[in-house]
Amino acid sequence: MSNNYEVLRQADKDQALFQNPGRRAAGADGKRSRPDVTDPAREEAIKLVQRLFLSAGAQSPRTVVFSSVEHGNGCSKVCAQVAEGLASQVEGAVCLVDANLRSPTLHRLFRIENELGLVDAVAQSGPVKKFLQSFNGSNLWILPSGPLLSDSHTLLSSDRFLSRLMELRLEFSHVLIDAPPISPYADAVTLGRLADGLVLVLEANTTRRETARKVKETLEAANVRLLGAVLNKRTFPIPERLYKRL
């Protein structure tokens, strides 16, 4: 059975299906590995990119937060896959930010160093690109978290962080931010207020409807624009080979 995720609600009311990505081993050419995305999954990721980022033209969001309802919903993998799909569709540079400062994941997904990152960029001076890493020489740039930080909300709500975010918006055509889950932390709501909107990730057969409803109400109360909801780890009720023939 294959894990998939499904867009439940978007601004344009469209839907898309995705296959949950894993990781590839490093290639023989020494390039850093990327999240493993099958061709059908990559195609569906591009569909979401087109609907969410490209179809509205000048009105499309440029800075988007990805957050889950709870821990373990697969938000970081979804965010990484969409970032790769977006980078393949636009001419400008795309920045992927790991703002989950309590439990960072993106550096492990892409197998990059995490010695310098967002925490350092906020604390230190110099151009923000000093703390970024270009992924395999592509137009996808990654800002890992840097050191673990228990009081991440103070950093993310600081004027210095806002200044760095504005710098990223000037440097990149799009900025995607991987945030902590909403239920236990306030970080994603804080980030959502600073961004153009938020994509919410839920896990099939795990996320409770009541919990998701409360999260939605929290976002609405904070005036955070909910761009869409993604149902992750959806399983096929019938064998996948038969499902593809339907």
C-alpha atoms as a PDB file:
ATOM      1  CA  MET A   1       0.000   0.000   0.000  1.00  0.00           C
ATOM      2  CA  SER A   2       1.381   3.409  -0.929  1.00  0.00           C
ATOM      3  CA  ASN A   3       1.186   6.484   1.267  1.00  0.00           C
ATOM      4  CA  ASN A   4      -0.394   9.500  -0.425  1.00  0.00           C
ATOM      5  CA  TYR A   5      -1.651  12.900   0.478  1.00  0.00           C
ATOM      6  CA  GLU A   6      -4.604  14.774  -0.885  1.00  0.00           C
ATOM      7  CA  VAL A   7      -5.379  18.458  -1.018  1.00  0.00           C
ATOM      8  CA  LEU A   8      -8.703  18.861   0.769  1.00  0.00           C
ATOM      9  CA  ARG A   9      -9.301  22.579   0.301  1.00  0.00           C
ATOM     10  CA  GLN A  10      -7.611  25.297  -1.690  1.00  0.00           C
ATOM     11  CA  ALA A  11      -8.525  28.839  -2.563  1.00  0.00           C
ATOM     12  CA  ASP A  12      -9.575  27.694  -6.039  1.00  0.00           C
ATOM     13  CA  LYS A  13     -11.331  24.561  -4.655  1.00  0.00           C
ATOM     14  CA  ASP A  14      -9.155  22.280  -6.786  1.00  0.00           C
ATOM     15  CA  GLN A  15      -7.859  18.919  -5.584  1.00  0.00           C
ATOM     16  CA  ALA A  16      -4.583  17.028  -6.115  1.00  0.00           C
ATOM     17  CA  LEU A  17      -3.133  13.678  -5.003  1.00  0.00           C
ATOM     18  CA  PHE A  18       0.428  13.129  -3.892  1.00  0.00           C
ATOM     19  CA  GLN A  19       2.641  10.223  -2.983  1.00  0.00           C
ATOM     20  CA  ASN A  20       4.465  10.671   0.304  1.00  0.00           C
ATOM     21  CA  PRO A  21       8.208  11.160  -0.392  1.00  0.00           C
ATOM     22  CA  GLY A  22      11.041   9.349   1.323  1.00  0.00           C
ATOM     23  CA  ARG A  23      14.812   9.720   0.812  1.00  0.00           C
ATOM     24  CA  ARG A  24      17.314   8.560  -1.791  1.00  0.00           C
ATOM     25  CA  ALA A  25      20.849   7.526  -1.122  1.00  0.00           C
ATOM     26  CA  ALA A  26      23.587   9.855  -2.316  1.00  0.00           C
ATOM     27  CA  GLY A  27      24.429   9.424  -5.977  1.00  0.00           C
ATOM     28  CA  ALA A  28      27.732   8.257  -7.375  1.00  0.00           C
ATOM     29  CA  ASP A  29      28.468  11.796  -8.590  1.00  0.00           C
ATOM     30  CA  GLY A  30      28.685  12.966  -4.988  1.00  0.00           C
ATOM     31  CA  LYS A  31      25.740  15.320  -5.203  1.00  0.00           C
ATOM     32  CA  ARG A  32      23.615  15.695  -2.120  1.00  0.00           C
ATOM     33  CA  SER A  33      20.538  13.516  -2.177  1.00  0.00           C
ATOM     34  CA  ARG A  34      16.986  14.767  -2.540  1.00  0.00           C
ATOM     35  CA  PRO A  35      13.702  13.535  -1.103  1.00  0.00           C
ATOM     36  CA  ASP A  36      12.640  10.490  -3.167  1.00  0.00           C
ATOM     37  CA  VAL A  37       9.694  11.490  -5.330  1.00  0.00           C
ATOM     38  CA  THR A  38       8.185   9.119  -7.865  1.00  0.00           C
ATOM     39  CA  ASP A  39       7.150  10.476 -11.263  1.00  0.00           C
ATOM     40  CA  PRO A  40       3.382  10.458 -10.483  1.00  0.00           C
ATOM     41  CA  ALA A  41       4.070  12.201  -7.179  1.00  0.00           C
ATOM     42  CA  ARG A  42       6.246  14.800  -8.885  1.00  0.00           C
ATOM     43  CA  GLU A  43       3.531  15.467 -11.446  1.00  0.00           C
ATOM     44  CA  GLU A  44       0.930  15.978  -8.730  1.00  0.00           C
ATOM     45  CA  ALA A  45       3.293  18.235  -6.790  1.00  0.00           C
ATOM     46  CA  ILE A  46       3.652  20.382  -9.893  1.00  0.00           C
ATOM     47  CA  LYS A  47      -0.146  20.541 -10.194  1.00  0.00           C
ATOM     48  CA  LEU A  48      -0.378  21.921  -6.663  1.00  0.00           C
ATOM     49  CA  VAL A  49       2.406  24.383  -7.417  1.00  0.00           C
ATOM     50  CA  GLN A  50       0.558  25.611 -10.501  1.00  0.00           C
ATOM     51  CA  ARG A  51      -2.739  26.017  -8.659  1.00  0.00           C
ATOM     52  CA  LEU A  52      -1.334  27.553  -5.508  1.00  0.00           C
ATOM     53  CA  PHE A  53       1.557  29.660  -6.763  1.00  0.00           C
ATOM     54  CA  LEU A  54       1.186  30.208 -10.505  1.00  0.00           C
ATOM     55  CA  SER A  55      -2.472  30.324 -11.541  1.00  0.00           C
ATOM     56  CA  ALA A  56      -3.318  33.621  -9.832  1.00  0.00           C
ATOM     57  CA  GLY A  57      -0.508  35.532 -11.517  1.00  0.00           C
ATOM     58  CA  ALA A  58       0.547  38.626  -9.625  1.00  0.00           C
ATOM     59  CA  GLN A  59      -1.964  37.836  -6.852  1.00  0.00           C
ATOM     60  CA  SER A  60      -0.452  34.420  -6.057  1.00  0.00           C
ATOM     61  CA  PRO A  61       1.247  33.975  -2.668  1.00  0.00           C
ATOM     62  CA  ARG A  62       5.016  34.354  -2.545  1.00  0.00           C
ATOM     63  CA  THR A  63       5.673  33.543   1.109  1.00  0.00           C
ATOM     64  CA  VAL A  64       3.847  30.451   2.385  1.00  0.00           C
ATOM     65  CA  VAL A  65       4.016  28.617   5.708  1.00  0.00           C
ATOM     66  CA  PHE A  66       3.505  24.860   5.895  1.00  0.00           C
ATOM     67  CA  SER A  67       2.361  23.526   9.257  1.00  0.00           C
ATOM     68  CA  SER A  68       0.665  20.415  10.599  1.00  0.00           C
ATOM     69  CA  VAL A  69      -2.039  19.916  13.167  1.00  0.00           C
ATOM     70  CA  GLU A  70       0.108  17.679  15.369  1.00  0.00           C
ATOM     71  CA  HIS A  71       3.550  16.079  15.515  1.00  0.00           C
ATOM     72  CA  GLY A  72       4.258  13.359  12.957  1.00  0.00           C
ATOM     73  CA  ASN A  73       1.796  14.462  10.268  1.00  0.00           C
ATOM     74  CA  GLY A  74       4.545  14.603   7.618  1.00  0.00           C
ATOM     75  CA  CYS A  75       4.571  18.373   7.100  1.00  0.00           C
ATOM     76  CA  SER A  76       8.309  18.681   6.444  1.00  0.00           C
ATOM     77  CA  LYS A  77       8.241  16.102   3.635  1.00  0.00           C
ATOM     78  CA  VAL A  78       5.253  17.771   2.015  1.00  0.00           C
ATOM     79  CA  CYS A  79       6.913  21.182   2.255  1.00  0.00           C
ATOM     80  CA  ALA A  80      10.178  19.833   0.786  1.00  0.00           C
ATOM     81  CA  GLN A  81       8.389  18.197  -2.136  1.00  0.00           C
ATOM     82  CA  VAL A  82       6.406  21.319  -2.978  1.00  0.00           C
ATOM     83  CA  ALA A  83       9.562  23.438  -2.775  1.00  0.00           C
ATOM     84  CA  GLU A  84      11.311  21.189  -5.299  1.00  0.00           C
ATOM     85  CA  GLY A  85       8.286  21.246  -7.577  1.00  0.00           C
ATOM     86  CA  LEU A  86       8.073  25.032  -7.374  1.00  0.00           C
ATOM     87  CA  ALA A  87      11.789  25.469  -8.086  1.00  0.00           C
ATOM     88  CA  SER A  88      11.397  23.370 -11.234  1.00  0.00           C
ATOM     89  CA  GLN A  89       8.550  25.578 -12.493  1.00  0.00           C
ATOM     90  CA  VAL A  90       9.809  29.103 -11.921  1.00  0.00           C
ATOM     91  CA  GLU A  91      12.795  31.000 -13.266  1.00  0.00           C
ATOM     92  CA  GLY A  92      13.515  32.833 -10.025  1.00  0.00           C
ATOM     93  CA  ALA A  93      15.226  31.374  -6.985  1.00  0.00           C
ATOM     94  CA  VAL A  94      13.156  29.589  -4.331  1.00  0.00           C
ATOM     95  CA  CYS A  95      14.077  29.573  -0.646  1.00  0.00           C
ATOM     96  CA  LEU A  96      13.043  26.769   1.716  1.00  0.00           C
ATOM     97  CA  VAL A  97      13.293  27.762   5.398  1.00  0.00           C
ATOM     98  CA  ASP A  98      13.365  25.365   8.335  1.00  0.00           C
ATOM     99  CA  ALA A  99      11.593  27.326  11.077  1.00  0.00           C
ATOM    100  CA  ASN A 100      10.841  24.232  13.153  1.00  0.00           C
ATOM    101  CA  LEU A 101      13.532  25.205  15.610  1.00  0.00           C
ATOM    102  CA  ARG A 102      12.525  22.636  18.223  1.00  0.00           C
ATOM    103  CA  SER A 103      12.656  19.625  15.902  1.00  0.00           C
ATOM    104  CA  PRO A 104      14.317  20.538  12.566  1.00  0.00           C
ATOM    105  CA  THR A 105      14.047  18.026   9.729  1.00  0.00           C
ATOM    106  CA  LEU A 106      14.891  19.605   6.374  1.00  0.00           C
ATOM    107  CA  HIS A 107      18.663  19.218   6.719  1.00  0.00           C
ATOM    108  CA  ARG A 108      18.174  15.470   7.175  1.00  0.00           C
ATOM    109  CA  LEU A 109      15.772  15.187   4.236  1.00  0.00           C
ATOM    110  CA  PHE A 110      18.235  16.914   1.919  1.00  0.00           C
ATOM    111  CA  ARG A 111      21.349  15.651   3.733  1.00  0.00           C
ATOM    112  CA  ILE A 112      22.942  19.035   4.109  1.00  0.00           C
ATOM    113  CA  GLU A 113      24.946  20.602   6.925  1.00  0.00           C
ATOM    114  CA  ASN A 114      23.109  22.296   9.782  1.00  0.00           C
ATOM    115  CA  GLU A 115      25.979  24.149  11.414  1.00  0.00           C
ATOM    116  CA  LEU A 116      24.659  27.536  10.320  1.00  0.00           C
ATOM    117  CA  GLY A 117      21.022  28.398   9.779  1.00  0.00           C
ATOM    118  CA  LEU A 118      18.049  30.523  10.702  1.00  0.00           C
ATOM    119  CA  VAL A 119      19.039  30.951  14.356  1.00  0.00           C
ATOM    120  CA  ASP A 120      22.466  32.224  13.316  1.00  0.00           C
ATOM    121  CA  ALA A 121      21.009  34.498  10.627  1.00  0.00           C
ATOM    122  CA  VAL A 122      18.834  36.226  13.227  1.00  0.00           C
ATOM    123  CA  ALA A 123      21.637  36.507  15.783  1.00  0.00           C
ATOM    124  CA  GLN A 124      24.441  37.575  13.436  1.00  0.00           C
ATOM    125  CA  SER A 125      24.999  40.292  10.871  1.00  0.00           C
ATOM    126  CA  GLY A 126      25.874  40.017   7.200  1.00  0.00           C
ATOM    127  CA  PRO A 127      23.851  39.164   4.095  1.00  0.00           C
ATOM    128  CA  VAL A 128      21.280  36.440   4.603  1.00  0.00           C
ATOM    129  CA  LYS A 129      22.733  34.346   1.772  1.00  0.00           C
ATOM    130  CA  LYS A 130      25.743  33.774   4.004  1.00  0.00           C
ATOM    131  CA  PHE A 131      23.572  31.297   5.915  1.00  0.00           C
ATOM    132  CA  LEU A 132      21.907  29.639   2.910  1.00  0.00           C
ATOM    133  CA  GLN A 133      22.903  26.582   0.907  1.00  0.00           C
ATOM    134  CA  SER A 134      22.180  26.110  -2.783  1.00  0.00           C
ATOM    135  CA  PHE A 135      20.852  22.610  -3.350  1.00  0.00           C
ATOM    136  CA  ASN A 136      22.955  20.832  -5.976  1.00  0.00           C
ATOM    137  CA  GLY A 137      23.592  24.115  -7.751  1.00  0.00           C
ATOM    138  CA  SER A 138      19.898  24.550  -8.617  1.00  0.00           C
ATOM    139  CA  ASN A 139      17.628  27.534  -8.030  1.00  0.00           C
ATOM    140  CA  LEU A 140      16.447  25.929  -4.779  1.00  0.00           C
ATOM    141  CA  TRP A 141      18.148  27.395  -1.726  1.00  0.00           C
ATOM    142  CA  ILE A 142      17.756  26.020   1.787  1.00  0.00           C
ATOM    143  CA  LEU A 143      18.034  27.860   5.083  1.00  0.00           C
ATOM    144  CA  PRO A 144      18.344  25.120   7.726  1.00  0.00           C
ATOM    145  CA  SER A 145      17.395  25.762  11.323  1.00  0.00           C
ATOM    146  CA  GLY A 146      20.833  26.016  12.870  1.00  0.00           C
ATOM    147  CA  PRO A 147      21.135  25.194  16.593  1.00  0.00           C
ATOM    148  CA  LEU A 148      18.131  23.800  18.456  1.00  0.00           C
ATOM    149  CA  LEU A 149      16.175  26.474  20.274  1.00  0.00           C
ATOM    150  CA  SER A 150      13.623  25.829  23.025  1.00  0.00           C
ATOM    151  CA  ASP A 151      12.306  29.411  23.079  1.00  0.00           C
ATOM    152  CA  SER A 152      11.772  29.681  19.339  1.00  0.00           C
ATOM    153  CA  HIS A 153       8.661  31.850  19.650  1.00  0.00           C
ATOM    154  CA  THR A 154      10.710  34.749  21.019  1.00  0.00           C
ATOM    155  CA  LEU A 155      13.064  34.553  18.034  1.00  0.00           C
ATOM    156  CA  LEU A 156      10.289  34.231  15.439  1.00  0.00           C
ATOM    157  CA  SER A 157       8.376  37.194  16.872  1.00  0.00           C
ATOM    158  CA  SER A 158      11.432  39.459  17.017  1.00  0.00           C
ATOM    159  CA  ASP A 159      12.067  42.490  14.819  1.00  0.00           C
ATOM    160  CA  ARG A 160      15.336  40.919  13.731  1.00  0.00           C
ATOM    161  CA  PHE A 161      13.536  37.868  12.339  1.00  0.00           C
ATOM    162  CA  LEU A 162      11.058  40.092  10.503  1.00  0.00           C
ATOM    163  CA  SER A 163      13.979  41.960   8.979  1.00  0.00           C
ATOM    164  CA  ARG A 164      15.540  38.686   7.777  1.00  0.00           C
ATOM    165  CA  LEU A 165      12.219  37.531   6.333  1.00  0.00           C
ATOM    166  CA  MET A 166      11.869  40.774   4.404  1.00  0.00           C
ATOM    167  CA  GLU A 167      15.403  40.271   3.110  1.00  0.00           C
ATOM    168  CA  LEU A 168      14.487  36.788   1.885  1.00  0.00           C
ATOM    169  CA  ARG A 169      11.400  38.162   0.121  1.00  0.00           C
ATOM    170  CA  LEU A 170      13.638  40.613  -1.739  1.00  0.00           C
ATOM    171  CA  GLU A 171      16.218  37.964  -2.656  1.00  0.00           C
ATOM    172  CA  PHE A 172      13.848  35.175  -3.753  1.00  0.00           C
ATOM    173  CA  SER A 173      10.798  34.852  -5.946  1.00  0.00           C
ATOM    174  CA  HIS A 174       9.183  32.506  -3.398  1.00  0.00           C
ATOM    175  CA  VAL A 175       9.837  31.629   0.244  1.00  0.00           C
ATOM    176  CA  LEU A 176       8.419  28.411   1.738  1.00  0.00           C
ATOM    177  CA  ILE A 177       8.600  27.993   5.503  1.00  0.00           C
ATOM    178  CA  ASP A 178       8.403  24.677   7.347  1.00  0.00           C
ATOM    179  CA  ALA A 179       6.858  25.441  10.751  1.00  0.00           C
ATOM    180  CA  PRO A 180       6.169  23.435  13.925  1.00  0.00           C
ATOM    181  CA  PRO A 181       2.701  21.909  14.461  1.00  0.00           C
ATOM    182  CA  ILE A 182      -0.037  24.302  15.510  1.00  0.00           C
ATOM    183  CA  SER A 183      -1.694  22.366  18.325  1.00  0.00           C
ATOM    184  CA  PRO A 184       1.237  22.401  20.772  1.00  0.00           C
ATOM    185  CA  TYR A 185       2.993  25.634  19.689  1.00  0.00           C
ATOM    186  CA  ALA A 186       2.231  29.211  18.670  1.00  0.00           C
ATOM    187  CA  ASP A 187       5.126  29.481  16.187  1.00  0.00           C
ATOM    188  CA  ALA A 188       3.140  28.647  13.032  1.00  0.00           C
ATOM    189  CA  VAL A 189       0.466  31.234  13.829  1.00  0.00           C
ATOM    190  CA  THR A 190       3.155  33.866  14.355  1.00  0.00           C
ATOM    191  CA  LEU A 191       4.757  32.963  11.039  1.00  0.00           C
ATOM    192  CA  GLY A 192       1.389  32.833   9.294  1.00  0.00           C
ATOM    193  CA  ARG A 193       0.719  36.444  10.215  1.00  0.00           C
ATOM    194  CA  LEU A 194       3.962  37.467   8.520  1.00  0.00           C
ATOM    195  CA  ALA A 195       3.416  35.360   5.393  1.00  0.00           C
ATOM    196  CA  ASP A 196       0.898  35.440   2.556  1.00  0.00           C
ATOM    197  CA  GLY A 197      -0.860  32.359   3.903  1.00  0.00           C
ATOM    198  CA  LEU A 198      -0.559  28.901   5.421  1.00  0.00           C
ATOM    199  CA  VAL A 199      -1.034  25.353   4.138  1.00  0.00           C
ATOM    200  CA  LEU A 200      -2.258  22.941   6.808  1.00  0.00           C
ATOM    201  CA  VAL A 201      -1.137  19.286   6.803  1.00  0.00           C
ATOM    202  CA  LEU A 202      -3.333  16.600   8.389  1.00  0.00           C
ATOM    203  CA  GLU A 203      -2.696  12.870   8.678  1.00  0.00           C
ATOM    204  CA  ALA A 204      -5.268  10.381   7.401  1.00  0.00           C
ATOM    205  CA  ASN A 205      -6.800   8.108  10.057  1.00  0.00           C
ATOM    206  CA  THR A 206      -4.915   9.998  12.792  1.00  0.00           C
ATOM    207  CA  THR A 207      -5.877  13.667  12.927  1.00  0.00           C
ATOM    208  CA  ARG A 208      -9.127  14.127  14.832  1.00  0.00           C
ATOM    209  CA  ARG A 209     -11.807  16.216  13.160  1.00  0.00           C
ATOM    210  CA  GLU A 210     -12.377  18.230  16.337  1.00  0.00           C
ATOM    211  CA  THR A 211      -8.653  18.977  16.667  1.00  0.00           C
ATOM    212  CA  ALA A 212      -8.463  20.132  13.051  1.00  0.00           C
ATOM    213  CA  ARG A 213     -11.534  22.309  13.552  1.00  0.00           C
ATOM    214  CA  LYS A 214      -9.976  24.005  16.589  1.00  0.00           C
ATOM    215  CA  VAL A 215      -6.780  24.646  14.634  1.00  0.00           C
ATOM    216  CA  LYS A 216      -8.792  26.218  11.814  1.00  0.00           C
ATOM    217  CA  GLU A 217     -10.565  28.454  14.317  1.00  0.00           C
ATOM    218  CA  THR A 218      -7.204  29.452  15.800  1.00  0.00           C
ATOM    219  CA  LEU A 219      -5.945  30.503  12.380  1.00  0.00           C
ATOM    220  CA  GLU A 220      -9.106  32.450  11.625  1.00  0.00           C
ATOM    221  CA  ALA A 221      -8.966  34.245  14.975  1.00  0.00           C
ATOM    222  CA  ALA A 222      -5.371  35.247  14.246  1.00  0.00           C
ATOM    223  CA  ASN A 223      -6.287  36.456  10.733  1.00  0.00           C
ATOM    224  CA  VAL A 224      -3.993  33.895   9.127  1.00  0.00           C
ATOM    225  CA  ARG A 225      -5.059  33.103   5.554  1.00  0.00           C
ATOM    226  CA  LEU A 226      -5.607  29.355   5.132  1.00  0.00           C
ATOM    227  CA  LEU A 227      -4.548  28.571   1.566  1.00  0.00           C
ATOM    228  CA  GLY A 228      -5.340  24.873   1.680  1.00  0.00           C
ATOM    229  CA  ALA A 229      -5.360  21.658   3.680  1.00  0.00           C
ATOM    230  CA  VAL A 230      -3.428  18.512   2.776  1.00  0.00           C
ATOM    231  CA  LEU A 231      -4.447  15.026   3.904  1.00  0.00           C
ATOM    232  CA  ASN A 232      -1.172  13.134   4.240  1.00  0.00           C
ATOM    233  CA  LYS A 233      -0.479   9.380   4.343  1.00  0.00           C
ATOM    234  CA  ARG A 234      -3.738   8.500   2.657  1.00  0.00           C
ATOM    235  CA  THR A 235      -3.731   4.807   1.749  1.00  0.00           C
ATOM    236  CA  PHE A 236      -5.307   3.167  -1.276  1.00  0.00           C
ATOM    237  CA  PRO A 237      -8.440   1.136  -0.384  1.00  0.00           C
ATOM    238  CA  ILE A 238      -7.579  -1.142  -3.325  1.00  0.00           C
ATOM    239  CA  PRO A 239      -4.211  -2.243  -4.750  1.00  0.00           C
ATOM    240  CA  GLU A 240      -2.361   0.702  -6.271  1.00  0.00           C
ATOM    241  CA  ARG A 241      -1.854  -1.027  -9.636  1.00  0.00           C
ATOM    242  CA  LEU A 242      -5.635  -1.296  -9.971  1.00  0.00           C
ATOM    243  CA  TYR A 243      -6.197   2.198  -8.654  1.00  0.00           C
ATOM    244  CA  LYS A 244      -4.012   3.655 -11.425  1.00  0.00           C
ATOM    245  CA  ARG A 245      -6.208   2.026 -14.064  1.00  0.00           C
ATOM    246  CA  LEU A 246      -9.376   3.739 -12.851  1.00  0.00           C
END
